[in-house]
N, C-alpha and C. Protein backbone atom coordinates (compact mmCIF):
# COMPACT_ATOMS: atom_id res chain seq x y z
N MET A 1 92.49 88.10 107.86
CA MET A 1 93.83 88.48 107.43
C MET A 1 94.89 87.93 108.38
N SER A 2 94.85 88.34 109.66
CA SER A 2 95.91 87.98 110.60
C SER A 2 95.99 86.48 110.80
N SER A 3 94.85 85.77 110.69
CA SER A 3 94.86 84.33 110.89
C SER A 3 95.62 83.60 109.80
N GLU A 4 95.84 84.26 108.64
CA GLU A 4 96.55 83.65 107.54
C GLU A 4 98.07 83.83 107.66
N LEU A 5 98.50 84.62 108.61
CA LEU A 5 99.92 84.94 108.76
C LEU A 5 100.46 84.35 110.06
N PRO A 6 101.77 84.09 110.12
CA PRO A 6 102.37 83.68 111.40
C PRO A 6 102.22 84.78 112.44
N SER A 7 102.50 84.45 113.69
CA SER A 7 102.43 85.43 114.76
C SER A 7 103.46 86.53 114.53
N TYR A 8 103.25 87.67 115.21
CA TYR A 8 104.24 88.74 115.10
C TYR A 8 105.59 88.29 115.63
N GLU A 9 105.61 87.49 116.66
CA GLU A 9 106.88 86.99 117.19
C GLU A 9 107.64 86.24 116.10
N GLU A 10 106.93 85.40 115.35
CA GLU A 10 107.59 84.64 114.29
C GLU A 10 108.02 85.56 113.15
N ARG A 11 107.19 86.52 112.80
CA ARG A 11 107.54 87.40 111.69
C ARG A 11 108.71 88.31 112.05
N TYR A 12 108.68 88.90 113.23
CA TYR A 12 109.79 89.75 113.63
C TYR A 12 111.06 88.95 113.85
N GLY A 13 110.92 87.65 114.09
CA GLY A 13 112.09 86.80 114.26
C GLY A 13 112.93 86.66 113.01
N GLN A 14 112.43 87.11 111.87
CA GLN A 14 113.19 87.05 110.63
C GLN A 14 114.18 88.21 110.51
N PHE A 15 114.12 89.16 111.46
CA PHE A 15 115.07 90.27 111.48
C PHE A 15 116.09 90.03 112.59
N PRO A 16 117.31 90.54 112.45
CA PRO A 16 118.34 90.35 113.48
C PRO A 16 117.95 91.02 114.80
N PRO A 17 118.48 90.53 115.92
CA PRO A 17 118.23 91.18 117.20
C PRO A 17 118.66 92.65 117.16
N GLY A 18 117.87 93.51 117.75
CA GLY A 18 118.18 94.93 117.79
C GLY A 18 117.84 95.69 116.54
N PHE A 19 117.27 95.04 115.54
CA PHE A 19 116.99 95.68 114.25
C PHE A 19 116.07 96.88 114.41
N PHE A 20 115.09 96.79 115.33
CA PHE A 20 114.09 97.84 115.48
C PHE A 20 114.37 98.75 116.68
N ASP A 21 115.55 98.65 117.26
CA ASP A 21 115.94 99.56 118.33
C ASP A 21 116.16 100.96 117.76
N ARG A 22 115.92 101.96 118.61
CA ARG A 22 116.18 103.35 118.23
C ARG A 22 117.00 104.01 119.33
N MET A 23 117.84 104.97 118.98
CA MET A 23 118.63 105.68 119.98
C MET A 23 117.76 106.50 120.90
N ASP A 24 116.71 107.11 120.33
CA ASP A 24 115.81 107.98 121.09
C ASP A 24 114.38 107.46 120.92
N VAL A 25 113.79 106.98 122.00
CA VAL A 25 112.44 106.42 121.93
C VAL A 25 111.39 107.39 122.48
N ASP A 26 111.80 108.58 122.90
CA ASP A 26 110.87 109.57 123.45
C ASP A 26 110.30 110.41 122.31
N ASP A 27 109.25 109.89 121.67
CA ASP A 27 108.68 110.59 120.52
C ASP A 27 107.94 111.86 120.93
N ASP A 28 107.27 111.85 122.07
CA ASP A 28 106.51 113.03 122.49
C ASP A 28 107.41 114.25 122.63
N THR A 29 108.57 114.08 123.25
CA THR A 29 109.49 115.20 123.43
C THR A 29 110.10 115.63 122.10
N PHE A 30 110.53 114.67 121.31
CA PHE A 30 111.22 115.00 120.06
C PHE A 30 110.30 115.72 119.09
N TYR A 31 109.07 115.21 118.96
CA TYR A 31 108.14 115.78 117.98
C TYR A 31 107.25 116.88 118.57
N GLY A 32 107.53 117.29 119.80
CA GLY A 32 106.74 118.34 120.44
C GLY A 32 106.86 119.68 119.74
N PRO A 33 108.08 120.18 119.46
CA PRO A 33 108.20 121.47 118.77
C PRO A 33 107.84 121.32 117.29
N PRO A 34 107.06 122.22 116.72
CA PRO A 34 106.74 122.12 115.29
C PRO A 34 107.97 122.41 114.43
N ARG A 35 108.06 121.66 113.33
CA ARG A 35 109.14 121.87 112.36
C ARG A 35 108.50 122.10 111.00
N LEU A 36 108.28 123.34 110.65
CA LEU A 36 107.64 123.67 109.38
C LEU A 36 108.70 123.80 108.30
N VAL A 37 109.35 122.68 108.02
CA VAL A 37 110.41 122.60 107.02
C VAL A 37 110.13 121.40 106.13
N THR A 38 110.78 121.37 104.97
CA THR A 38 110.69 120.19 104.10
C THR A 38 111.91 119.31 104.36
N HIS A 39 111.71 118.00 104.24
CA HIS A 39 112.77 117.05 104.57
C HIS A 39 113.42 116.44 103.34
N ILE A 40 112.93 116.81 102.15
CA ILE A 40 113.57 116.47 100.89
C ILE A 40 113.49 117.69 99.99
N ASP A 41 114.32 117.73 98.95
CA ASP A 41 114.35 118.93 98.11
C ASP A 41 113.16 118.98 97.15
N ASP A 42 113.03 120.09 96.44
CA ASP A 42 111.86 120.32 95.60
C ASP A 42 111.72 119.26 94.51
N GLY A 43 112.85 118.81 93.95
CA GLY A 43 112.78 117.79 92.91
C GLY A 43 112.25 116.47 93.43
N ALA A 44 112.68 116.08 94.63
CA ALA A 44 112.18 114.84 95.23
C ALA A 44 110.71 114.99 95.60
N ILE A 45 110.33 116.16 96.10
CA ILE A 45 108.91 116.41 96.41
C ILE A 45 108.07 116.27 95.14
N GLY A 46 108.56 116.83 94.04
CA GLY A 46 107.85 116.70 92.78
C GLY A 46 107.73 115.26 92.33
N ALA A 47 108.77 114.46 92.58
CA ALA A 47 108.73 113.05 92.19
C ALA A 47 107.69 112.28 93.00
N VAL A 48 107.51 112.65 94.27
CA VAL A 48 106.46 112.03 95.07
C VAL A 48 105.09 112.33 94.46
N GLY A 49 104.85 113.60 94.16
CA GLY A 49 103.57 113.99 93.58
C GLY A 49 103.31 113.33 92.24
N GLU A 50 104.35 113.18 91.41
CA GLU A 50 104.19 112.52 90.12
C GLU A 50 103.76 111.07 90.30
N LEU A 51 104.34 110.39 91.27
CA LEU A 51 103.97 109.00 91.52
C LEU A 51 102.51 108.91 91.97
N TYR A 52 102.11 109.80 92.87
CA TYR A 52 100.71 109.78 93.32
C TYR A 52 99.75 109.97 92.14
N THR A 53 100.12 110.85 91.23
CA THR A 53 99.28 111.07 90.06
C THR A 53 99.25 109.83 89.17
N GLU A 54 100.40 109.23 88.93
CA GLU A 54 100.48 108.03 88.10
C GLU A 54 99.64 106.89 88.67
N LEU A 55 99.61 106.79 89.99
CA LEU A 55 98.87 105.71 90.63
C LEU A 55 97.38 106.02 90.76
N GLY A 56 96.98 107.20 90.34
CA GLY A 56 95.57 107.54 90.31
C GLY A 56 94.97 107.92 91.64
N ILE A 57 95.81 108.35 92.59
CA ILE A 57 95.26 108.68 93.91
C ILE A 57 95.20 110.18 94.16
N ASP A 58 95.79 110.98 93.25
CA ASP A 58 95.67 112.44 93.34
C ASP A 58 94.45 112.84 92.54
N ASP A 59 93.29 112.50 93.08
CA ASP A 59 92.04 112.61 92.35
C ASP A 59 90.95 113.09 93.29
N ARG A 60 90.08 113.94 92.80
CA ARG A 60 89.04 114.51 93.67
C ARG A 60 88.04 113.47 94.16
N GLN A 61 88.03 112.30 93.55
CA GLN A 61 87.14 111.23 93.99
C GLN A 61 87.79 110.33 95.04
N SER A 62 89.06 110.52 95.33
CA SER A 62 89.80 109.61 96.21
C SER A 62 89.74 110.05 97.67
N SER A 63 89.72 109.05 98.53
CA SER A 63 89.86 109.25 99.98
C SER A 63 91.18 108.65 100.40
N VAL A 64 92.08 109.48 100.93
CA VAL A 64 93.46 109.08 101.18
C VAL A 64 93.85 109.37 102.62
N LEU A 65 94.62 108.44 103.20
CA LEU A 65 95.22 108.62 104.52
C LEU A 65 96.71 108.85 104.36
N ASP A 66 97.21 109.95 104.93
CA ASP A 66 98.64 110.28 104.89
C ASP A 66 99.24 109.96 106.26
N LEU A 67 99.98 108.86 106.32
CA LEU A 67 100.57 108.41 107.58
C LEU A 67 101.82 109.19 107.93
N MET A 68 102.02 109.45 109.23
CA MET A 68 103.21 110.13 109.73
C MET A 68 103.41 111.44 108.97
N SER A 69 102.33 112.17 108.86
CA SER A 69 102.26 113.37 108.03
C SER A 69 102.78 114.59 108.78
N SER A 70 102.82 115.68 108.07
CA SER A 70 103.27 116.95 108.63
C SER A 70 102.47 118.08 107.97
N TRP A 71 103.13 119.18 107.68
CA TRP A 71 102.42 120.34 107.15
C TRP A 71 102.31 120.35 105.62
N ILE A 72 102.96 119.37 104.96
CA ILE A 72 102.89 119.23 103.51
C ILE A 72 102.65 117.75 103.20
N SER A 73 101.75 117.48 102.24
CA SER A 73 101.48 116.09 101.87
C SER A 73 101.96 115.73 100.47
N HIS A 74 102.52 116.66 99.72
CA HIS A 74 103.25 116.38 98.48
C HIS A 74 102.39 115.97 97.29
N PHE A 75 101.05 116.11 97.38
CA PHE A 75 100.22 115.90 96.20
C PHE A 75 100.31 117.12 95.30
N HIS A 76 100.19 116.91 93.99
CA HIS A 76 100.19 118.05 93.07
C HIS A 76 98.94 118.89 93.25
N SER A 77 97.79 118.24 93.38
CA SER A 77 96.54 118.99 93.58
C SER A 77 95.86 118.58 94.88
N GLY A 78 95.76 117.29 95.14
CA GLY A 78 95.17 116.82 96.39
C GLY A 78 93.90 116.02 96.14
N PRO A 79 93.73 114.91 96.86
CA PRO A 79 92.52 114.11 96.72
C PRO A 79 91.32 114.82 97.35
N GLY A 80 90.13 114.29 97.07
CA GLY A 80 88.93 114.90 97.62
C GLY A 80 88.89 114.86 99.12
N GLU A 81 89.36 113.77 99.72
CA GLU A 81 89.48 113.65 101.17
C GLU A 81 90.90 113.24 101.50
N LEU A 82 91.56 113.99 102.35
CA LEU A 82 92.91 113.66 102.78
C LEU A 82 92.98 113.79 104.29
N VAL A 83 93.16 112.67 104.96
CA VAL A 83 93.30 112.64 106.42
C VAL A 83 94.79 112.56 106.74
N ALA A 84 95.31 113.56 107.43
CA ALA A 84 96.72 113.59 107.81
C ALA A 84 96.86 113.08 109.25
N LEU A 85 97.65 112.04 109.42
CA LEU A 85 97.89 111.46 110.74
C LEU A 85 99.36 111.66 111.08
N GLY A 86 99.63 112.30 112.22
CA GLY A 86 101.01 112.57 112.58
C GLY A 86 101.16 112.89 114.06
N MET A 87 102.30 113.47 114.41
CA MET A 87 102.64 113.66 115.81
C MET A 87 102.47 115.09 116.31
N ASN A 88 102.54 116.08 115.42
CA ASN A 88 102.56 117.47 115.88
C ASN A 88 101.31 118.21 115.43
N PRO A 89 100.43 118.63 116.35
CA PRO A 89 99.19 119.30 115.97
C PRO A 89 99.39 120.57 115.16
N ALA A 90 100.41 121.36 115.47
CA ALA A 90 100.63 122.60 114.73
C ALA A 90 101.00 122.32 113.28
N GLU A 91 101.85 121.33 113.07
CA GLU A 91 102.21 120.95 111.71
C GLU A 91 100.99 120.44 110.94
N LEU A 92 100.23 119.55 111.57
CA LEU A 92 99.07 118.96 110.90
C LEU A 92 98.02 120.02 110.57
N ALA A 93 97.80 120.95 111.49
CA ALA A 93 96.82 122.00 111.26
C ALA A 93 97.23 122.93 110.12
N ALA A 94 98.53 123.01 109.85
CA ALA A 94 99.03 123.88 108.79
C ALA A 94 98.99 123.21 107.42
N ASN A 95 98.61 121.93 107.37
CA ASN A 95 98.58 121.20 106.11
C ASN A 95 97.35 121.62 105.29
N GLU A 96 97.57 122.43 104.26
CA GLU A 96 96.46 123.00 103.50
C GLU A 96 95.76 121.98 102.62
N GLN A 97 96.42 120.85 102.31
CA GLN A 97 95.77 119.83 101.49
C GLN A 97 94.91 118.89 102.33
N ALA A 98 95.15 118.83 103.63
CA ALA A 98 94.40 117.93 104.50
C ALA A 98 92.98 118.45 104.73
N THR A 99 92.01 117.56 104.63
CA THR A 99 90.63 117.92 104.96
C THR A 99 90.34 117.65 106.43
N SER A 100 91.18 116.83 107.09
CA SER A 100 91.10 116.60 108.53
C SER A 100 92.43 116.03 108.99
N TRP A 101 92.66 116.05 110.30
CA TRP A 101 93.91 115.50 110.81
C TRP A 101 93.70 114.85 112.17
N VAL A 102 94.63 113.94 112.51
CA VAL A 102 94.57 113.18 113.76
C VAL A 102 95.98 113.08 114.32
N ARG A 103 96.14 113.41 115.61
CA ARG A 103 97.42 113.18 116.25
C ARG A 103 97.44 111.74 116.76
N HIS A 104 98.48 110.99 116.36
CA HIS A 104 98.52 109.57 116.71
C HIS A 104 99.96 109.09 116.58
N ASP A 105 100.47 108.41 117.62
CA ASP A 105 101.83 107.88 117.62
C ASP A 105 101.78 106.40 117.28
N LEU A 106 102.20 106.04 116.08
CA LEU A 106 102.13 104.66 115.63
C LEU A 106 103.12 103.75 116.35
N ASN A 107 104.18 104.32 116.92
CA ASN A 107 105.12 103.48 117.66
C ASN A 107 104.59 103.10 119.04
N THR A 108 103.70 103.90 119.57
CA THR A 108 103.05 103.58 120.84
C THR A 108 101.79 102.76 120.62
N GLU A 109 101.00 103.13 119.60
CA GLU A 109 99.74 102.46 119.30
C GLU A 109 99.61 102.28 117.79
N PRO A 110 99.99 101.10 117.28
CA PRO A 110 99.94 100.90 115.83
C PRO A 110 98.54 100.71 115.27
N VAL A 111 97.54 100.51 116.13
CA VAL A 111 96.17 100.34 115.65
C VAL A 111 95.66 101.69 115.15
N LEU A 112 95.20 101.74 113.91
CA LEU A 112 94.73 102.99 113.33
C LEU A 112 93.30 103.29 113.77
N PRO A 113 93.00 104.55 114.08
CA PRO A 113 91.67 104.92 114.58
C PRO A 113 90.65 105.13 113.46
N PHE A 114 90.55 104.14 112.57
CA PHE A 114 89.66 104.25 111.42
C PHE A 114 88.94 102.93 111.20
N ALA A 115 87.84 102.99 110.48
CA ALA A 115 87.04 101.80 110.22
C ALA A 115 87.68 100.94 109.13
N ASP A 116 87.24 99.70 109.04
CA ASP A 116 87.68 98.82 107.97
C ASP A 116 87.31 99.41 106.61
N GLU A 117 88.23 99.27 105.65
CA GLU A 117 87.97 99.65 104.26
C GLU A 117 87.49 101.09 104.11
N GLU A 118 88.14 102.00 104.83
CA GLU A 118 87.72 103.40 104.83
C GLU A 118 88.37 104.24 103.74
N PHE A 119 89.55 103.80 103.24
CA PHE A 119 90.33 104.65 102.33
C PHE A 119 90.62 103.96 101.00
N ASP A 120 90.71 104.78 99.95
CA ASP A 120 91.11 104.29 98.63
C ASP A 120 92.62 104.10 98.54
N ALA A 121 93.37 104.85 99.33
CA ALA A 121 94.83 104.78 99.29
C ALA A 121 95.39 105.25 100.62
N VAL A 122 96.58 104.77 100.93
CA VAL A 122 97.34 105.23 102.09
C VAL A 122 98.75 105.55 101.61
N VAL A 123 99.29 106.69 102.06
CA VAL A 123 100.64 107.08 101.67
C VAL A 123 101.46 107.34 102.93
N CYS A 124 102.77 107.17 102.78
CA CYS A 124 103.70 107.47 103.87
C CYS A 124 104.98 107.99 103.22
N CYS A 125 105.28 109.26 103.44
CA CYS A 125 106.40 109.91 102.78
C CYS A 125 107.53 110.19 103.77
N VAL A 126 108.71 109.71 103.46
CA VAL A 126 109.95 109.89 104.21
C VAL A 126 109.79 109.64 105.71
N SER A 127 109.04 108.59 106.06
CA SER A 127 108.83 108.31 107.48
C SER A 127 108.85 106.84 107.83
N VAL A 128 108.84 105.94 106.85
CA VAL A 128 108.76 104.51 107.16
C VAL A 128 109.96 104.06 108.00
N ASP A 129 111.09 104.76 107.89
CA ASP A 129 112.30 104.39 108.63
C ASP A 129 112.19 104.64 110.13
N TYR A 130 111.15 105.35 110.55
CA TYR A 130 110.95 105.63 111.97
C TYR A 130 110.01 104.65 112.67
N LEU A 131 109.44 103.73 111.91
CA LEU A 131 108.48 102.78 112.49
C LEU A 131 109.19 101.69 113.28
N ALA A 132 108.86 101.60 114.56
CA ALA A 132 109.43 100.55 115.41
C ALA A 132 108.57 99.29 115.41
N ARG A 133 107.32 99.39 114.96
CA ARG A 133 106.41 98.23 114.90
C ARG A 133 105.76 98.20 113.50
N PRO A 134 106.58 98.09 112.48
CA PRO A 134 106.06 98.26 111.11
C PRO A 134 105.08 97.18 110.67
N LEU A 135 105.24 95.96 111.12
CA LEU A 135 104.36 94.90 110.63
C LEU A 135 102.93 95.10 111.14
N GLU A 136 102.79 95.54 112.39
CA GLU A 136 101.45 95.87 112.89
C GLU A 136 100.84 97.02 112.10
N VAL A 137 101.66 98.03 111.80
CA VAL A 137 101.16 99.18 111.05
C VAL A 137 100.75 98.77 109.64
N PHE A 138 101.57 97.96 108.98
CA PHE A 138 101.24 97.52 107.63
C PHE A 138 99.97 96.67 107.63
N ASP A 139 99.80 95.83 108.63
CA ASP A 139 98.54 95.07 108.75
C ASP A 139 97.35 96.00 108.93
N GLU A 140 97.54 97.04 109.73
CA GLU A 140 96.46 98.00 109.95
C GLU A 140 96.14 98.79 108.67
N VAL A 141 97.16 99.14 107.92
CA VAL A 141 96.91 99.82 106.65
C VAL A 141 96.09 98.91 105.73
N TRP A 142 96.44 97.64 105.67
CA TRP A 142 95.67 96.68 104.88
C TRP A 142 94.20 96.69 105.32
N ARG A 143 93.99 96.76 106.61
CA ARG A 143 92.61 96.71 107.14
C ARG A 143 91.80 97.93 106.70
N VAL A 144 92.40 99.12 106.74
CA VAL A 144 91.63 100.33 106.46
C VAL A 144 91.54 100.65 104.96
N LEU A 145 92.30 99.92 104.15
CA LEU A 145 92.22 100.10 102.70
C LEU A 145 91.03 99.36 102.12
N ARG A 146 90.43 99.96 101.13
CA ARG A 146 89.41 99.26 100.36
C ARG A 146 90.08 98.25 99.43
N PRO A 147 89.41 97.15 99.09
CA PRO A 147 89.99 96.20 98.13
C PRO A 147 90.43 96.91 96.85
N GLY A 148 91.64 96.60 96.42
CA GLY A 148 92.23 97.27 95.27
C GLY A 148 92.98 98.54 95.61
N GLY A 149 92.88 98.99 96.86
CA GLY A 149 93.56 100.21 97.28
C GLY A 149 95.06 100.03 97.37
N VAL A 150 95.79 101.13 97.22
CA VAL A 150 97.24 101.09 97.18
C VAL A 150 97.85 101.73 98.42
N PHE A 151 98.95 101.15 98.89
CA PHE A 151 99.73 101.69 100.00
C PHE A 151 101.10 102.04 99.45
N VAL A 152 101.47 103.33 99.51
CA VAL A 152 102.68 103.84 98.89
C VAL A 152 103.65 104.36 99.96
N ASN A 153 104.88 103.85 99.95
CA ASN A 153 105.94 104.38 100.81
C ASN A 153 107.01 105.01 99.93
N THR A 154 107.34 106.27 100.20
CA THR A 154 108.42 106.95 99.51
C THR A 154 109.45 107.41 100.55
N PHE A 155 110.72 107.40 100.16
CA PHE A 155 111.78 107.76 101.11
C PHE A 155 113.03 108.15 100.35
N SER A 156 113.90 108.88 101.04
CA SER A 156 115.17 109.33 100.48
C SER A 156 116.29 108.83 101.39
N ASN A 157 117.36 109.60 101.49
CA ASN A 157 118.45 109.20 102.37
C ASN A 157 118.73 110.23 103.46
N ARG A 158 117.77 111.10 103.69
CA ARG A 158 117.86 112.01 104.85
C ARG A 158 117.04 111.42 105.99
N CYS A 159 117.41 111.77 107.21
CA CYS A 159 116.65 111.26 108.36
C CYS A 159 117.08 112.01 109.62
N PHE A 160 116.32 111.79 110.70
CA PHE A 160 116.75 112.16 112.05
C PHE A 160 117.50 110.94 112.59
N PRO A 161 118.83 111.00 112.70
CA PRO A 161 119.61 109.79 113.02
C PRO A 161 119.23 109.12 114.33
N THR A 162 118.80 109.88 115.31
CA THR A 162 118.48 109.27 116.61
C THR A 162 117.11 108.60 116.62
N LYS A 163 116.30 108.84 115.57
CA LYS A 163 114.93 108.33 115.56
C LYS A 163 114.73 107.11 114.67
N ILE A 164 115.62 106.89 113.71
CA ILE A 164 115.44 105.75 112.82
C ILE A 164 115.79 104.45 113.53
N ILE A 165 115.22 103.35 113.02
CA ILE A 165 115.56 102.03 113.57
C ILE A 165 116.99 101.69 113.16
N GLN A 166 117.65 100.89 113.98
CA GLN A 166 119.06 100.57 113.73
C GLN A 166 119.26 99.76 112.46
N GLY A 167 118.28 98.94 112.10
CA GLY A 167 118.39 98.19 110.86
C GLY A 167 118.47 99.08 109.65
N TRP A 168 117.76 100.20 109.68
CA TRP A 168 117.82 101.17 108.59
C TRP A 168 119.16 101.87 108.57
N ALA A 169 119.65 102.21 109.74
CA ALA A 169 120.92 102.93 109.83
C ALA A 169 122.10 102.09 109.36
N SER A 170 121.95 100.78 109.39
CA SER A 170 123.08 99.89 109.12
C SER A 170 123.20 99.48 107.65
N THR A 171 122.36 100.04 106.76
CA THR A 171 122.42 99.63 105.36
C THR A 171 122.33 100.83 104.44
N ASP A 172 122.30 100.56 103.12
CA ASP A 172 122.30 101.62 102.12
C ASP A 172 120.93 101.75 101.47
N ASP A 173 120.87 102.55 100.39
CA ASP A 173 119.58 102.81 99.76
C ASP A 173 118.91 101.53 99.25
N GLN A 174 119.68 100.66 98.61
CA GLN A 174 119.10 99.41 98.13
C GLN A 174 118.64 98.54 99.29
N GLY A 175 119.38 98.59 100.39
CA GLY A 175 118.96 97.87 101.57
C GLY A 175 117.66 98.43 102.14
N HIS A 176 117.48 99.74 102.07
CA HIS A 176 116.24 100.36 102.54
C HIS A 176 115.04 99.88 101.71
N VAL A 177 115.23 99.81 100.40
CA VAL A 177 114.16 99.29 99.54
C VAL A 177 113.82 97.85 99.92
N ALA A 178 114.84 97.06 100.20
CA ALA A 178 114.62 95.66 100.58
C ALA A 178 113.89 95.56 101.92
N ILE A 179 114.21 96.44 102.85
CA ILE A 179 113.54 96.43 104.15
C ILE A 179 112.05 96.71 103.99
N VAL A 180 111.72 97.75 103.24
CA VAL A 180 110.31 98.08 103.07
C VAL A 180 109.59 96.97 102.30
N GLY A 181 110.26 96.39 101.31
CA GLY A 181 109.66 95.27 100.61
C GLY A 181 109.37 94.10 101.54
N ALA A 182 110.25 93.86 102.49
CA ALA A 182 110.04 92.78 103.46
C ALA A 182 108.82 93.06 104.33
N TYR A 183 108.59 94.32 104.67
CA TYR A 183 107.41 94.67 105.47
C TYR A 183 106.12 94.25 104.74
N TYR A 184 106.07 94.53 103.44
CA TYR A 184 104.89 94.12 102.67
C TYR A 184 104.78 92.59 102.63
N GLN A 185 105.90 91.93 102.42
CA GLN A 185 105.88 90.47 102.28
C GLN A 185 105.49 89.77 103.59
N LEU A 186 105.71 90.44 104.71
CA LEU A 186 105.41 89.84 106.02
C LEU A 186 104.10 90.36 106.61
N SER A 187 103.32 91.05 105.83
CA SER A 187 102.04 91.59 106.31
C SER A 187 101.00 91.38 105.22
N GLY A 188 99.86 92.02 105.39
CA GLY A 188 98.86 91.99 104.33
C GLY A 188 97.84 90.87 104.39
N PRO A 189 97.71 90.07 103.35
CA PRO A 189 98.57 89.92 102.17
C PRO A 189 98.38 91.03 101.12
N TRP A 190 99.50 91.33 100.42
CA TRP A 190 99.50 92.36 99.39
C TRP A 190 99.73 91.73 98.03
N GLN A 191 99.38 92.48 96.98
CA GLN A 191 99.67 92.03 95.63
C GLN A 191 100.26 93.18 94.82
N ASP A 192 100.85 92.84 93.69
CA ASP A 192 101.44 93.83 92.76
C ASP A 192 102.50 94.68 93.46
N LEU A 193 103.35 94.04 94.26
CA LEU A 193 104.43 94.76 94.94
C LEU A 193 105.40 95.32 93.90
N ALA A 194 105.71 96.60 94.03
CA ALA A 194 106.60 97.28 93.08
C ALA A 194 107.58 98.16 93.84
N ALA A 195 108.76 98.34 93.27
CA ALA A 195 109.78 99.22 93.85
C ALA A 195 110.51 99.92 92.72
N GLU A 196 110.72 101.22 92.88
CA GLU A 196 111.40 101.99 91.85
C GLU A 196 112.27 103.08 92.48
N ALA A 197 113.37 103.40 91.80
CA ALA A 197 114.11 104.63 92.08
C ALA A 197 113.45 105.71 91.24
N ARG A 198 112.68 106.58 91.87
CA ARG A 198 111.93 107.59 91.14
C ARG A 198 112.78 108.82 90.79
N ARG A 199 113.89 108.97 91.49
CA ARG A 199 114.79 110.09 91.19
C ARG A 199 116.19 109.70 91.65
N GLN A 200 117.16 109.81 90.77
CA GLN A 200 118.52 109.46 91.10
C GLN A 200 119.19 110.57 91.90
N GLY A 201 119.99 110.17 92.86
CA GLY A 201 120.72 111.15 93.66
C GLY A 201 121.96 111.64 92.94
N ALA A 202 122.41 112.81 93.32
CA ALA A 202 123.62 113.44 92.78
C ALA A 202 124.03 114.50 93.79
N PRO A 203 125.23 115.07 93.68
CA PRO A 203 125.62 116.13 94.60
C PRO A 203 124.58 117.25 94.64
N GLY A 204 124.09 117.55 95.82
CA GLY A 204 123.09 118.59 95.98
C GLY A 204 121.69 118.20 95.53
N ARG A 205 121.45 116.91 95.37
CA ARG A 205 120.18 116.43 94.83
C ARG A 205 119.75 115.19 95.60
N ASP A 206 118.54 115.22 96.16
CA ASP A 206 118.05 114.09 96.94
C ASP A 206 117.49 112.99 96.04
N PRO A 207 117.87 111.74 96.29
CA PRO A 207 117.22 110.64 95.56
C PRO A 207 115.82 110.41 96.13
N LEU A 208 115.02 109.68 95.40
CA LEU A 208 113.67 109.35 95.87
C LEU A 208 113.35 107.92 95.46
N TYR A 209 113.06 107.09 96.45
CA TYR A 209 112.71 105.69 96.23
C TYR A 209 111.26 105.47 96.63
N ALA A 210 110.63 104.52 95.97
CA ALA A 210 109.23 104.22 96.26
C ALA A 210 109.00 102.73 96.24
N VAL A 211 108.21 102.26 97.21
CA VAL A 211 107.76 100.88 97.25
C VAL A 211 106.27 100.92 97.50
N TRP A 212 105.49 100.18 96.71
CA TRP A 212 104.04 100.19 96.90
C TRP A 212 103.45 98.84 96.52
N ALA A 213 102.24 98.61 96.99
CA ALA A 213 101.50 97.39 96.69
C ALA A 213 100.03 97.67 96.94
N ARG A 214 99.18 96.72 96.50
CA ARG A 214 97.74 96.89 96.61
C ARG A 214 97.13 95.79 97.48
N ARG A 215 96.05 96.16 98.13
CA ARG A 215 95.24 95.14 98.79
C ARG A 215 94.47 94.38 97.71
N PRO A 216 94.50 93.06 97.74
CA PRO A 216 93.79 92.30 96.69
C PRO A 216 92.30 92.60 96.68
N THR A 217 91.71 92.47 95.52
CA THR A 217 90.27 92.69 95.37
C THR A 217 89.46 91.47 95.73
N GLY A 218 90.08 90.30 95.70
CA GLY A 218 89.34 89.06 95.99
C GLY A 218 89.30 88.71 97.46
């Protein structure tokens, strides 16, 4: 895989200087206290679950990795195996849909602690904007996915302002979709790249955007 792509230096060179800078880089301190709250409203949470069902990953036969997870994974019912990977042990332990969990900081160590082709799907909900080394992470997701497996990123317009990358902070919702699409295009290789507005925003209502693609079967 990696031999087919340019170096990370060349790939990251396609973004402006400072694009991946963050105001606060101390993740251990920030994510130390548990936050047992939801970061999008109930309608947006429902839209995440609907997408997972449509893509066939909310299934008792599926093995799924939930990246940058917390105490809720947003599946309607839940796959047979759900590994929650995140920063706060108390939050992860409270995740009733998770069958196991791992504390892991992707900004410090983007290499995932899993074997090649271990999962049928990987999901990341309202967290892709916090990745400081997204291309390494996307390559790693490709590695741990089984051929034909899907990687789904969903996000809204809420965030922790000091933790997001500056490139995300400097654009709008359509720009966010374009950023995540670029991550797929600069990693992988992926196929069947798709992007949708799964829920329109309105006063008092969170929008929900999704970008996903599959690891090729060949």
